[in-house]
């Protein structure tokens, strides 16, 4: 649990540090902020489902799920590029 919290904070910090660069490149606009706002219910649902799952999924199964999803994502990247 502690590792998950540290990882989440690390990625939060990295993404916050990227905001000024993204703003200067005009990657953040009112329309992109509106699109992000549309995703907010899914983000909140993901947080709640994740908190519910983290106490119910055994560590070993979680590790295999991460490996499996990483392999699937890697294959998708290789095959769709």
PDB file of N, CA and C in Angstrom:
ATOM      1  N   UNK A   1       0.821  -1.187   0.000  1.00  0.00           N
ATOM      2  CA  UNK A   1       0.000   0.000   0.000  1.00  0.00           C
ATOM      3  C   UNK A   1       0.870   1.258   0.000  1.00  0.00           C
ATOM      4  N   UNK A   2       1.957   1.203   0.768  1.00  0.00           N
ATOM      5  CA  UNK A   2       2.842   2.368   0.847  1.00  0.00           C
ATOM      6  C   UNK A   2       3.486   2.644  -0.508  1.00  0.00           C
ATOM      7  N   UNK A   3       3.873   1.576  -1.213  1.00  0.00           N
ATOM      8  CA  UNK A   3       4.489   1.739  -2.535  1.00  0.00           C
ATOM      9  C   UNK A   3       3.506   2.371  -3.519  1.00  0.00           C
ATOM     10  N   UNK A   4       2.243   1.975  -3.464  1.00  0.00           N
ATOM     11  CA  UNK A   4       1.240   2.565  -4.349  1.00  0.00           C
ATOM     12  C   UNK A   4       1.090   4.056  -4.083  1.00  0.00           C
ATOM     13  N   UNK A   5       1.068   4.427  -2.804  1.00  0.00           N
ATOM     14  CA  UNK A   5       0.931   5.836  -2.448  1.00  0.00           C
ATOM     15  C   UNK A   5       2.124   6.662  -2.903  1.00  0.00           C
ATOM     16  N   UNK A   6       3.320   6.113  -2.732  1.00  0.00           N
ATOM     17  CA  UNK A   6       4.531   6.823  -3.160  1.00  0.00           C
ATOM     18  C   UNK A   6       4.544   6.974  -4.669  1.00  0.00           C
ATOM     19  N   UNK A   7       4.188   5.916  -5.392  1.00  0.00           N
ATOM     20  CA  UNK A   7       4.150   5.979  -6.851  1.00  0.00           C
ATOM     21  C   UNK A   7       3.138   6.998  -7.347  1.00  0.00           C
ATOM     22  N   UNK A   8       1.981   7.023  -6.715  1.00  0.00           N
ATOM     23  CA  UNK A   8       0.946   7.981  -7.122  1.00  0.00           C
ATOM     24  C   UNK A   8       1.416   9.411  -6.886  1.00  0.00           C
ATOM     25  N   UNK A   9       2.051   9.667  -5.760  1.00  0.00           N
ATOM     26  CA  UNK A   9       2.551  11.019  -5.476  1.00  0.00           C
ATOM     27  C   UNK A   9       3.663  11.415  -6.440  1.00  0.00           C
ATOM     28  N   UNK A  10       4.525  10.456  -6.795  1.00  0.00           N
ATOM     29  CA  UNK A  10       5.595  10.735  -7.740  1.00  0.00           C
ATOM     30  C   UNK A  10       5.026  11.171  -9.091  1.00  0.00           C
ATOM     31  N   UNK A  11       4.062  10.416  -9.608  1.00  0.00           N
ATOM     32  CA  UNK A  11       3.485  10.762 -10.904  1.00  0.00           C
ATOM     33  C   UNK A  11       2.688  12.060 -10.840  1.00  0.00           C
ATOM     34  N   UNK A  12       2.064  12.338  -9.711  1.00  0.00           N
ATOM     35  CA  UNK A  12       1.375  13.610  -9.536  1.00  0.00           C
ATOM     36  C   UNK A  12       2.378  14.762  -9.633  1.00  0.00           C
ATOM     37  N   UNK A  13       3.516  14.630  -8.947  1.00  0.00           N
ATOM     38  CA  UNK A  13       4.535  15.671  -8.982  1.00  0.00           C
ATOM     39  C   UNK A  13       5.098  15.857 -10.393  1.00  0.00           C
ATOM     40  N   UNK A  14       5.383  14.761 -11.080  1.00  0.00           N
ATOM     41  CA  UNK A  14       5.909  14.848 -12.444  1.00  0.00           C
ATOM     42  C   UNK A  14       4.917  15.561 -13.354  1.00  0.00           C
ATOM     43  N   UNK A  15       3.646  15.213 -13.250  1.00  0.00           N
ATOM     44  CA  UNK A  15       2.633  15.833 -14.108  1.00  0.00           C
ATOM     45  C   UNK A  15       2.424  17.302 -13.768  1.00  0.00           C
ATOM     46  N   UNK A  16       2.518  17.669 -12.506  1.00  0.00           N
ATOM     47  CA  UNK A  16       2.403  19.077 -12.131  1.00  0.00           C
ATOM     48  C   UNK A  16       3.583  19.863 -12.703  1.00  0.00           C
ATOM     49  N   UNK A  17       4.769  19.265 -12.680  1.00  0.00           N
ATOM     50  CA  UNK A  17       5.946  19.946 -13.222  1.00  0.00           C
ATOM     51  C   UNK A  17       5.866  20.114 -14.745  1.00  0.00           C
ATOM     52  N   UNK A  18       5.090  19.260 -15.417  1.00  0.00           N
ATOM     53  CA  UNK A  18       4.939  19.367 -16.867  1.00  0.00           C
ATOM     54  C   UNK A  18       3.931  20.436 -17.280  1.00  0.00           C
ATOM     55  N   UNK A  19       3.117  20.915 -16.356  1.00  0.00           N
ATOM     56  CA  UNK A  19       2.076  21.882 -16.706  1.00  0.00           C
ATOM     57  C   UNK A  19       2.605  23.165 -17.352  1.00  0.00           C
ATOM     58  N   UNK A  20       3.645  23.814 -16.814  1.00  0.00           N
ATOM     59  CA  UNK A  20       4.113  25.043 -17.464  1.00  0.00           C
ATOM     60  C   UNK A  20       4.571  24.821 -18.909  1.00  0.00           C
ATOM     61  N   UNK A  21       5.281  23.724 -19.153  1.00  0.00           N
ATOM     62  CA  UNK A  21       5.730  23.423 -20.518  1.00  0.00           C
ATOM     63  C   UNK A  21       4.543  23.171 -21.435  1.00  0.00           C
ATOM     64  N   UNK A  22       3.578  22.401 -20.960  1.00  0.00           N
ATOM     65  CA  UNK A  22       2.398  22.120 -21.780  1.00  0.00           C
ATOM     66  C   UNK A  22       1.624  23.397 -22.084  1.00  0.00           C
ATOM     67  N   UNK A  23       1.540  24.289 -21.112  1.00  0.00           N
ATOM     68  CA  UNK A  23       0.855  25.561 -21.336  1.00  0.00           C
ATOM     69  C   UNK A  23       1.581  26.433 -22.332  1.00  0.00           C
ATOM     70  N   UNK A  24       2.914  26.449 -22.262  1.00  0.00           N
ATOM     71  CA  UNK A  24       3.668  27.292 -23.197  1.00  0.00           C
ATOM     72  C   UNK A  24       3.635  26.746 -24.623  1.00  0.00           C
ATOM     73  N   UNK A  25       3.395  25.461 -24.778  1.00  0.00           N
ATOM     74  CA  UNK A  25       3.279  24.862 -26.114  1.00  0.00           C
ATOM     75  C   UNK A  25       1.835  24.874 -26.625  1.00  0.00           C
ATOM     76  N   UNK A  26       0.956  25.534 -25.889  1.00  0.00           N
ATOM     77  CA  UNK A  26      -0.474  25.606 -26.229  1.00  0.00           C
ATOM     78  C   UNK A  26      -1.127  24.225 -26.314  1.00  0.00           C
ATOM     79  N   UNK A  27      -0.658  23.308 -25.479  1.00  0.00           N
ATOM     80  CA  UNK A  27      -1.282  21.993 -25.417  1.00  0.00           C
ATOM     81  C   UNK A  27      -2.474  21.997 -24.462  1.00  0.00           C
ATOM     82  N   UNK A  28      -2.545  23.007 -23.611  1.00  0.00           N
ATOM     83  CA  UNK A  28      -3.671  23.162 -22.695  1.00  0.00           C
ATOM     84  C   UNK A  28      -4.472  24.372 -23.149  1.00  0.00           C
ATOM     85  N   UNK A  29      -5.679  24.099 -23.613  1.00  0.00           N
ATOM     86  CA  UNK A  29      -6.570  25.158 -24.110  1.00  0.00           C
ATOM     87  C   UNK A  29      -7.926  24.996 -23.432  1.00  0.00           C
ATOM     88  N   UNK A  30      -8.799  25.987 -23.566  1.00  0.00           N
ATOM     89  CA  UNK A  30     -10.147  25.815 -22.985  1.00  0.00           C
ATOM     90  C   UNK A  30     -10.865  24.567 -23.493  1.00  0.00           C
ATOM     91  N   UNK A  31     -10.679  24.221 -24.758  1.00  0.00           N
ATOM     92  CA  UNK A  31     -11.375  23.030 -25.273  1.00  0.00           C
ATOM     93  C   UNK A  31     -10.785  21.742 -24.685  1.00  0.00           C
ATOM     94  N   UNK A  32      -9.471  21.697 -24.471  1.00  0.00           N
ATOM     95  CA  UNK A  32      -8.896  20.494 -23.858  1.00  0.00           C
ATOM     96  C   UNK A  32      -9.309  20.396 -22.395  1.00  0.00           C
ATOM     97  N   UNK A  33      -9.460  21.524 -21.722  1.00  0.00           N
ATOM     98  CA  UNK A  33      -9.930  21.494 -20.342  1.00  0.00           C
ATOM     99  C   UNK A  33     -11.370  21.003 -20.271  1.00  0.00           C
ATOM    100  N   UNK A  34     -12.191  21.376 -21.252  1.00  0.00           N
ATOM    101  CA  UNK A  34     -13.568  20.871 -21.304  1.00  0.00           C
ATOM    102  C   UNK A  34     -13.581  19.364 -21.531  1.00  0.00           C
ATOM    103  N   UNK A  35     -12.722  18.895 -22.424  1.00  0.00           N
ATOM    104  CA  UNK A  35     -12.628  17.452 -22.657  1.00  0.00           C
ATOM    105  C   UNK A  35     -12.204  16.719 -21.383  1.00  0.00           C
ATOM    106  N   UNK A  36     -11.253  17.298 -20.658  1.00  0.00           N
ATOM    107  CA  UNK A  36     -10.808  16.693 -19.407  1.00  0.00           C
ATOM    108  C   UNK A  36     -11.933  16.665 -18.380  1.00  0.00           C
ATOM    109  N   UNK A  37     -12.725  17.702 -18.349  1.00  0.00           N
ATOM    110  CA  UNK A  37     -13.839  17.761 -17.413  1.00  0.00           C
ATOM    111  C   UNK A  37     -14.861  16.667 -17.705  1.00  0.00           C
ATOM    112  N   UNK A  38     -15.033  16.326 -18.975  1.00  0.00           N
ATOM    113  CA  UNK A  38     -15.946  15.246 -19.345  1.00  0.00           C
ATOM    114  C   UNK A  38     -15.462  13.897 -18.819  1.00  0.00           C
ATOM    115  N   UNK A  39     -14.160  13.761 -18.634  1.00  0.00           N
ATOM    116  CA  UNK A  39     -13.579  12.505 -18.147  1.00  0.00           C
ATOM    117  C   UNK A  39     -13.625  12.378 -16.630  1.00  0.00           C
ATOM    118  N   UNK A  40     -13.963  13.450 -15.929  1.00  0.00           N
ATOM    119  CA  UNK A  40     -13.924  13.466 -14.468  1.00  0.00           C
ATOM    120  C   UNK A  40     -14.769  12.371 -13.811  1.00  0.00           C
ATOM    121  N   UNK A  41     -15.997  12.095 -14.278  1.00  0.00           N
ATOM    122  CA  UNK A  41     -16.754  11.005 -13.640  1.00  0.00           C
ATOM    123  C   UNK A  41     -16.043   9.650 -13.752  1.00  0.00           C
ATOM    124  N   UNK A  42     -15.406   9.393 -14.875  1.00  0.00           N
ATOM    125  CA  UNK A  42     -14.658   8.147 -15.033  1.00  0.00           C
ATOM    126  C   UNK A  42     -13.446   8.080 -14.114  1.00  0.00           C
ATOM    127  N   UNK A  43     -12.783   9.219 -13.927  1.00  0.00           N
ATOM    128  CA  UNK A  43     -11.630   9.268 -13.027  1.00  0.00           C
ATOM    129  C   UNK A  43     -12.074   8.988 -11.592  1.00  0.00           C
ATOM    130  N   UNK A  44     -13.158   9.608 -11.182  1.00  0.00           N
ATOM    131  CA  UNK A  44     -13.665   9.395  -9.820  1.00  0.00           C
ATOM    132  C   UNK A  44     -14.099   7.940  -9.637  1.00  0.00           C
ATOM    133  N   UNK A  45     -14.775   7.382 -10.632  1.00  0.00           N
ATOM    134  CA  UNK A  45     -15.175   5.977 -10.559  1.00  0.00           C
ATOM    135  C   UNK A  45     -13.946   5.075 -10.480  1.00  0.00           C
ATOM    136  N   UNK A  46     -12.913   5.386 -11.244  1.00  0.00           N
ATOM    137  CA  UNK A  46     -11.678   4.598 -11.210  1.00  0.00           C
ATOM    138  C   UNK A  46     -11.001   4.645  -9.850  1.00  0.00           C
ATOM    139  N   UNK A  47     -11.011   5.812  -9.220  1.00  0.00           N
ATOM    140  CA  UNK A  47     -10.428   5.940  -7.881  1.00  0.00           C
ATOM    141  C   UNK A  47     -11.187   5.068  -6.889  1.00  0.00           C
ATOM    142  N   UNK A  48     -12.510   5.155  -6.932  1.00  0.00           N
ATOM    143  CA  UNK A  48     -13.317   4.382  -5.983  1.00  0.00           C
ATOM    144  C   UNK A  48     -13.193   2.878  -6.224  1.00  0.00           C
ATOM    145  N   UNK A  49     -13.221   2.465  -7.480  1.00  0.00           N
ATOM    146  CA  UNK A  49     -13.078   1.035  -7.796  1.00  0.00           C
ATOM    147  C   UNK A  49     -11.678   0.554  -7.404  1.00  0.00           C
ATOM    148  N   UNK A  50     -10.660   1.374  -7.664  1.00  0.00           N
ATOM    149  CA  UNK A  50      -9.288   1.005  -7.298  1.00  0.00           C
ATOM    150  C   UNK A  50      -9.121   0.843  -5.803  1.00  0.00           C
ATOM    151  N   UNK A  51      -9.699   1.755  -5.029  1.00  0.00           N
ATOM    152  CA  UNK A  51      -9.604   1.647  -3.564  1.00  0.00           C
ATOM    153  C   UNK A  51     -10.331   0.398  -3.072  1.00  0.00           C
ATOM    154  N   UNK A  52     -11.442   0.064  -3.724  1.00  0.00           N
ATOM    155  CA  UNK A  52     -12.187  -1.128  -3.346  1.00  0.00           C
ATOM    156  C   UNK A  52     -11.401  -2.397  -3.690  1.00  0.00           C
ATOM    157  N   UNK A  53     -10.769  -2.398  -4.878  1.00  0.00           N
ATOM    158  CA  UNK A  53     -10.039  -3.583  -5.331  1.00  0.00           C
ATOM    159  C   UNK A  53      -8.733  -3.816  -4.578  1.00  0.00           C
ATOM    160  N   UNK A  54      -8.050  -2.748  -4.199  1.00  0.00           N
ATOM    161  CA  UNK A  54      -6.705  -2.894  -3.642  1.00  0.00           C
ATOM    162  C   UNK A  54      -6.700  -3.718  -2.357  1.00  0.00           C
ATOM    163  N   UNK A  55      -7.779  -3.684  -1.607  1.00  0.00           N
ATOM    164  CA  UNK A  55      -7.832  -4.480  -0.380  1.00  0.00           C
ATOM    165  C   UNK A  55      -8.343  -5.900  -0.630  1.00  0.00           C
ATOM    166  N   UNK A  56      -8.847  -6.172  -1.827  1.00  0.00           N
ATOM    167  CA  UNK A  56      -9.430  -7.474  -2.118  1.00  0.00           C
ATOM    168  C   UNK A  56      -8.571  -8.351  -3.030  1.00  0.00           C
ATOM    169  N   UNK A  57      -7.652  -7.767  -3.769  1.00  0.00           N
ATOM    170  CA  UNK A  57      -6.827  -8.535  -4.700  1.00  0.00           C
ATOM    171  C   UNK A  57      -5.520  -8.911  -3.998  1.00  0.00           C
ATOM    172  N   UNK A  58      -5.184 -10.196  -3.958  1.00  0.00           N
ATOM    173  CA  UNK A  58      -3.922 -10.606  -3.337  1.00  0.00           C
ATOM    174  C   UNK A  58      -2.715 -10.013  -4.090  1.00  0.00           C
ATOM    175  N   UNK A  59      -1.631  -9.786  -3.363  1.00  0.00           N
ATOM    176  CA  UNK A  59      -0.437  -9.161  -3.937  1.00  0.00           C
ATOM    177  C   UNK A  59       0.090  -9.942  -5.139  1.00  0.00           C
ATOM    178  N   UNK A  60       0.144 -11.237  -5.030  1.00  0.00           N
ATOM    179  CA  UNK A  60       0.679 -12.075  -6.123  1.00  0.00           C
ATOM    180  C   UNK A  60      -0.174 -11.917  -7.394  1.00  0.00           C
ATOM    181  N   UNK A  61      -1.490 -11.925  -7.243  1.00  0.00           N
ATOM    182  CA  UNK A  61      -2.383 -11.755  -8.393  1.00  0.00           C
ATOM    183  C   UNK A  61      -2.220 -10.357  -8.980  1.00  0.00           C
ATOM    184  N   UNK A  62      -2.047  -9.356  -8.116  1.00  0.00           N
ATOM    185  CA  UNK A  62      -1.842  -7.987  -8.582  1.00  0.00           C
ATOM    186  C   UNK A  62      -0.579  -7.883  -9.430  1.00  0.00           C
ATOM    187  N   UNK A  63       0.491  -8.501  -8.984  1.00  0.00           N
ATOM    188  CA  UNK A  63       1.747  -8.463  -9.733  1.00  0.00           C
ATOM    189  C   UNK A  63       1.586  -9.099 -11.110  1.00  0.00           C
ATOM    190  N   UNK A  64       0.889 -10.226 -11.182  1.00  0.00           N
ATOM    191  CA  UNK A  64       0.674 -10.882 -12.474  1.00  0.00           C
ATOM    192  C   UNK A  64      -0.242 -10.063 -13.376  1.00  0.00           C
ATOM    193  N   UNK A  65      -1.222  -9.384 -12.765  1.00  0.00           N
ATOM    194  CA  UNK A  65      -2.093  -8.513 -13.560  1.00  0.00           C
ATOM    195  C   UNK A  65      -1.293  -7.363 -14.167  1.00  0.00           C
ATOM    196  N   UNK A  66      -0.395  -6.775 -13.390  1.00  0.00           N
ATOM    197  CA  UNK A  66       0.434  -5.686 -13.898  1.00  0.00           C
ATOM    198  C   UNK A  66       1.302  -6.172 -15.046  1.00  0.00           C
ATOM    199  N   UNK A  67       1.918  -7.333 -14.887  1.00  0.00           N
ATOM    200  CA  UNK A  67       2.750  -7.891 -15.961  1.00  0.00           C
ATOM    201  C   UNK A  67       1.905  -8.164 -17.203  1.00  0.00           C
ATOM    202  N   UNK A  68       0.733  -8.757 -17.016  1.00  0.00           N
ATOM    203  CA  UNK A  68      -0.140  -9.067 -18.148  1.00  0.00           C
ATOM    204  C   UNK A  68      -0.606  -7.827 -18.891  1.00  0.00           C
ATOM    205  N   UNK A  69      -1.047  -6.822 -18.136  1.00  0.00           N
ATOM    206  CA  UNK A  69      -1.501  -5.587 -18.774  1.00  0.00           C
ATOM    207  C   UNK A  69      -0.351  -4.856 -19.458  1.00  0.00           C
ATOM    208  N   UNK A  70       0.851  -4.960 -18.899  1.00  0.00           N
ATOM    209  CA  UNK A  70       2.017  -4.337 -19.536  1.00  0.00           C
ATOM    210  C   UNK A  70       2.337  -5.019 -20.863  1.00  0.00           C
ATOM    211  N   UNK A  71       2.240  -6.325 -20.882  1.00  0.00           N
ATOM    212  CA  UNK A  71       2.489  -7.065 -22.126  1.00  0.00           C
ATOM    213  C   UNK A  71       1.437  -6.707 -23.177  1.00  0.00           C
ATOM    214  N   UNK A  72       0.173  -6.652 -22.766  1.00  0.00           N
ATOM    215  CA  UNK A  72      -0.899  -6.272 -23.703  1.00  0.00           C
ATOM    216  C   UNK A  72      -0.669  -4.876 -24.250  1.00  0.00           C
ATOM    217  N   UNK A  73      -0.325  -3.931 -23.365  1.00  0.00           N
ATOM    218  CA  UNK A  73      -0.085  -2.550 -23.816  1.00  0.00           C
ATOM    219  C   UNK A  73       1.098  -2.478 -24.755  1.00  0.00           C
ATOM    220  N   UNK A  74       2.160  -3.211 -24.450  1.00  0.00           N
ATOM    221  CA  UNK A  74       3.338  -3.223 -25.320  1.00  0.00           C
ATOM    222  C   UNK A  74       3.023  -3.797 -26.696  1.00  0.00           C
ATOM    223  N   UNK A  75       2.255  -4.885 -26.726  1.00  0.00           N
ATOM    224  CA  UNK A  75       1.872  -5.491 -28.016  1.00  0.00           C
ATOM    225  C   UNK A  75       1.011  -4.523 -28.827  1.00  0.00           C
ATOM    226  N   UNK A  76       0.097  -3.835 -28.156  1.00  0.00           N
ATOM    227  CA  UNK A  76      -0.750  -2.866 -28.867  1.00  0.00           C
ATOM    228  C   UNK A  76       0.101  -1.756 -29.460  1.00  0.00           C
ATOM    229  N   UNK A  77       1.093  -1.299 -28.697  1.00  0.00           N
ATOM    230  CA  UNK A  77       1.973  -0.245 -29.210  1.00  0.00           C
ATOM    231  C   UNK A  77       2.765  -0.716 -30.421  1.00  0.00           C
ATOM    232  N   UNK A  78       3.249  -1.943 -30.346  1.00  0.00           N
ATOM    233  CA  UNK A  78       4.039  -2.476 -31.464  1.00  0.00           C
ATOM    234  C   UNK A  78       3.182  -2.721 -32.703  1.00  0.00           C
ATOM    235  N   UNK A  79       1.966  -3.184 -32.515  1.00  0.00           N
ATOM    236  CA  UNK A  79       1.133  -3.571 -33.642  1.00  0.00           C
ATOM    237  C   UNK A  79       0.343  -2.423 -34.257  1.00  0.00           C
ATOM    238  N   UNK A  80       0.144  -1.337 -33.513  1.00  0.00           N
ATOM    239  CA  UNK A  80      -0.651  -0.238 -34.063  1.00  0.00           C
ATOM    240  C   UNK A  80       0.201   0.926 -34.560  1.00  0.00           C
ATOM    241  N   UNK A  81       1.491   0.830 -34.395  1.00  0.00           N
ATOM    242  CA  UNK A  81       2.358   1.944 -34.824  1.00  0.00           C
ATOM    243  C   UNK A  81       2.599   1.927 -36.312  1.00  0.00           C
TER     244      UNK A  81
END
